[in-house]
Amino acid sequence: MNFGFGKSEIDAEDAKVRRDLQALGRHVDAQLPYGWGFVLLAFPFGADGRMNYVANAKREDVVRVMYEFIEATKEKWAEHVPDPSSAAEDEQLGRARQRIAELEEELRKAKLGR
């Protein structure tokens, strides 16, 4: 959903969001105690937007924590929201894809270690 914006305007806005996220990330990282991680998500409203994020952790750690957050959120705060079977399948597929990515990374590291 570009609301009448041209590609160059969307690209410029996206670049600004990425710069601003980097600045926010440096600030958040400086405020947290040593050993704490964070992830900050930013996205335009609507179906066609692209989500950007900044974190001080490895991507696989961020994905793992996001899954943990989703599970905790569903159990505590979303009890009133029905879990349609397709959503449950999407969740299982997402977990499987994450595990595959983790195993591929381990395999890549093992090959580099030879």
C-alpha atoms as a PDB file:
ATOM      1  CA  MET A   1       0.000   0.000   0.000  1.00  0.00           C
ATOM      2  CA  ASN A   2       1.903   3.071  -1.152  1.00  0.00           C
ATOM      3  CA  PHE A   3      -0.883   5.670  -0.772  1.00  0.00           C
ATOM      4  CA  GLY A   4       0.114   7.449  -3.983  1.00  0.00           C
ATOM      5  CA  PHE A   5       3.833   7.636  -3.239  1.00  0.00           C
ATOM      6  CA  GLY A   6       6.265   6.885  -6.042  1.00  0.00           C
ATOM      7  CA  LYS A   7       9.054   4.289  -5.759  1.00  0.00           C
ATOM      8  CA  SER A   8      11.743   6.915  -5.088  1.00  0.00           C
ATOM      9  CA  GLU A   9       9.650   8.439  -2.278  1.00  0.00           C
ATOM     10  CA  ILE A  10       9.100   5.019  -0.719  1.00  0.00           C
ATOM     11  CA  ASP A  11      12.822   4.192  -1.044  1.00  0.00           C
ATOM     12  CA  ALA A  12      13.746   7.512   0.581  1.00  0.00           C
ATOM     13  CA  GLU A  13      11.291   6.916   3.417  1.00  0.00           C
ATOM     14  CA  ASP A  14      12.607   3.377   3.905  1.00  0.00           C
ATOM     15  CA  ALA A  15      16.196   4.658   4.022  1.00  0.00           C
ATOM     16  CA  LYS A  16      15.208   7.255   6.632  1.00  0.00           C
ATOM     17  CA  VAL A  17      13.500   4.602   8.743  1.00  0.00           C
ATOM     18  CA  ARG A  18      16.624   2.413   8.593  1.00  0.00           C
ATOM     19  CA  ARG A  19      18.869   5.346   9.628  1.00  0.00           C
ATOM     20  CA  ASP A  20      16.521   6.288  12.455  1.00  0.00           C
ATOM     21  CA  LEU A  21      16.331   2.677  13.650  1.00  0.00           C
ATOM     22  CA  GLN A  22      20.116   2.473  13.743  1.00  0.00           C
ATOM     23  CA  ALA A  23      20.256   5.640  15.861  1.00  0.00           C
ATOM     24  CA  LEU A  24      17.539   4.316  18.180  1.00  0.00           C
ATOM     25  CA  GLY A  25      19.354   1.000  18.415  1.00  0.00           C
ATOM     26  CA  ARG A  26      22.598   2.646  19.506  1.00  0.00           C
ATOM     27  CA  HIS A  27      20.677   4.582  22.155  1.00  0.00           C
ATOM     28  CA  VAL A  28      18.775   1.550  23.464  1.00  0.00           C
ATOM     29  CA  ASP A  29      21.944  -0.576  23.540  1.00  0.00           C
ATOM     30  CA  ALA A  30      23.753   2.102  25.561  1.00  0.00           C
ATOM     31  CA  GLN A  31      20.921   2.205  28.116  1.00  0.00           C
ATOM     32  CA  LEU A  32      20.734  -1.536  28.786  1.00  0.00           C
ATOM     33  CA  PRO A  33      22.990  -3.383  31.229  1.00  0.00           C
ATOM     34  CA  TYR A  34      25.731  -5.582  29.798  1.00  0.00           C
ATOM     35  CA  GLY A  35      24.384  -8.937  28.673  1.00  0.00           C
ATOM     36  CA  TRP A  36      20.906  -7.723  27.718  1.00  0.00           C
ATOM     37  CA  GLY A  37      19.593  -7.985  24.197  1.00  0.00           C
ATOM     38  CA  PHE A  38      16.924  -6.062  22.377  1.00  0.00           C
ATOM     39  CA  VAL A  39      15.057  -5.965  19.101  1.00  0.00           C
ATOM     40  CA  LEU A  40      13.043  -3.026  17.814  1.00  0.00           C
ATOM     41  CA  LEU A  41      10.552  -3.582  14.989  1.00  0.00           C
ATOM     42  CA  ALA A  42       9.160  -0.868  12.744  1.00  0.00           C
ATOM     43  CA  PHE A  43       6.624  -1.324   9.960  1.00  0.00           C
ATOM     44  CA  PRO A  44       4.155   0.739   7.983  1.00  0.00           C
ATOM     45  CA  PHE A  45       0.504  -0.033   8.595  1.00  0.00           C
ATOM     46  CA  GLY A  46      -1.172  -2.000   5.836  1.00  0.00           C
ATOM     47  CA  ALA A  47      -0.540  -5.228   4.012  1.00  0.00           C
ATOM     48  CA  ASP A  48       2.116  -4.113   1.538  1.00  0.00           C
ATOM     49  CA  GLY A  49       4.698  -2.689   3.912  1.00  0.00           C
ATOM     50  CA  ARG A  50       8.086  -4.118   4.720  1.00  0.00           C
ATOM     51  CA  MET A  51       9.122  -4.551   8.323  1.00  0.00           C
ATOM     52  CA  ASN A  52      12.513  -3.249   9.415  1.00  0.00           C
ATOM     53  CA  TYR A  53      14.260  -4.108  12.649  1.00  0.00           C
ATOM     54  CA  VAL A  54      17.374  -3.315  14.603  1.00  0.00           C
ATOM     55  CA  ALA A  55      18.866  -5.538  17.292  1.00  0.00           C
ATOM     56  CA  ASN A  56      22.047  -6.060  19.245  1.00  0.00           C
ATOM     57  CA  ALA A  57      21.742  -9.834  18.963  1.00  0.00           C
ATOM     58  CA  LYS A  58      22.323 -12.450  16.304  1.00  0.00           C
ATOM     59  CA  ARG A  59      19.424 -13.023  13.921  1.00  0.00           C
ATOM     60  CA  GLU A  60      18.858 -16.584  15.154  1.00  0.00           C
ATOM     61  CA  ASP A  61      18.626 -15.336  18.753  1.00  0.00           C
ATOM     62  CA  VAL A  62      16.167 -12.627  17.727  1.00  0.00           C
ATOM     63  CA  VAL A  63      13.982 -15.154  15.901  1.00  0.00           C
ATOM     64  CA  ARG A  64      14.057 -17.524  18.883  1.00  0.00           C
ATOM     65  CA  VAL A  65      13.082 -14.757  21.293  1.00  0.00           C
ATOM     66  CA  MET A  66      10.305 -13.618  18.965  1.00  0.00           C
ATOM     67  CA  TYR A  67       8.872 -17.146  18.898  1.00  0.00           C
ATOM     68  CA  GLU A  68       9.055 -17.241  22.695  1.00  0.00           C
ATOM     69  CA  PHE A  69       7.275 -13.883  22.875  1.00  0.00           C
ATOM     70  CA  ILE A  70       4.553 -15.034  20.497  1.00  0.00           C
ATOM     71  CA  GLU A  71       3.977 -18.197  22.500  1.00  0.00           C
ATOM     72  CA  ALA A  72       3.856 -16.311  25.803  1.00  0.00           C
ATOM     73  CA  THR A  73       1.567 -13.693  24.325  1.00  0.00           C
ATOM     74  CA  LYS A  74      -0.818 -16.236  22.876  1.00  0.00           C
ATOM     75  CA  GLU A  75      -1.039 -18.108  26.171  1.00  0.00           C
ATOM     76  CA  LYS A  76      -1.556 -15.070  28.403  1.00  0.00           C
ATOM     77  CA  TRP A  77      -3.109 -12.265  26.419  1.00  0.00           C
ATOM     78  CA  ALA A  78      -4.701 -13.900  23.410  1.00  0.00           C
ATOM     79  CA  GLU A  79      -6.766 -16.579  25.078  1.00  0.00           C
ATOM     80  CA  HIS A  80      -9.890 -14.992  23.646  1.00  0.00           C
ATOM     81  CA  VAL A  81      -8.541 -15.165  20.077  1.00  0.00           C
ATOM     82  CA  PRO A  82      -9.367 -18.394  18.257  1.00  0.00           C
ATOM     83  CA  ASP A  83      -6.421 -20.279  16.781  1.00  0.00           C
ATOM     84  CA  PRO A  84      -7.589 -21.365  13.332  1.00  0.00           C
ATOM     85  CA  SER A  85      -5.990 -24.515  12.031  1.00  0.00           C
ATOM     86  CA  SER A  86      -4.224 -22.680   9.199  1.00  0.00           C
ATOM     87  CA  ALA A  87      -2.550 -20.358  11.702  1.00  0.00           C
ATOM     88  CA  ALA A  88      -1.436 -23.346  13.768  1.00  0.00           C
ATOM     89  CA  GLU A  89      -0.010 -24.929  10.619  1.00  0.00           C
ATOM     90  CA  ASP A  90       1.773 -21.667   9.761  1.00  0.00           C
ATOM     91  CA  GLU A  91       3.295 -21.662  13.246  1.00  0.00           C
ATOM     92  CA  GLN A  92       4.510 -25.243  12.880  1.00  0.00           C
ATOM     93  CA  LEU A  93       5.912 -24.469   9.449  1.00  0.00           C
ATOM     94  CA  GLY A  94       7.664 -21.384  10.832  1.00  0.00           C
ATOM     95  CA  ARG A  95       9.217 -23.439  13.630  1.00  0.00           C
ATOM     96  CA  ALA A  96      10.363 -26.068  11.139  1.00  0.00           C
ATOM     97  CA  ARG A  97      11.902 -23.416   8.889  1.00  0.00           C
ATOM     98  CA  GLN A  98      13.680 -21.856  11.870  1.00  0.00           C
ATOM     99  CA  ARG A  99      15.097 -25.227  12.911  1.00  0.00           C
ATOM    100  CA  ILE A 100      16.254 -25.898   9.348  1.00  0.00           C
ATOM    101  CA  ALA A 101      17.993 -22.501   9.297  1.00  0.00           C
ATOM    102  CA  GLU A 102      19.684 -23.300  12.613  1.00  0.00           C
ATOM    103  CA  LEU A 103      20.873 -26.681  11.331  1.00  0.00           C
ATOM    104  CA  GLU A 104      22.097 -25.171   8.062  1.00  0.00           C
ATOM    105  CA  GLU A 105      24.101 -22.613  10.057  1.00  0.00           C
ATOM    106  CA  GLU A 106      25.630 -25.354  12.215  1.00  0.00           C
ATOM    107  CA  LEU A 107      26.519 -27.306   9.079  1.00  0.00           C
ATOM    108  CA  ARG A 108      28.091 -24.214   7.501  1.00  0.00           C
ATOM    109  CA  LYS A 109      30.166 -23.599  10.628  1.00  0.00           C
ATOM    110  CA  ALA A 110      31.239 -27.241  10.742  1.00  0.00           C
ATOM    111  CA  LYS A 111      32.383 -27.079   7.116  1.00  0.00           C
ATOM    112  CA  LEU A 112      34.367 -23.898   7.795  1.00  0.00           C
ATOM    113  CA  GLY A 113      35.994 -25.532  10.821  1.00  0.00           C
ATOM    114  CA  ARG A 114      37.613 -28.304   8.756  1.00  0.00           C
END
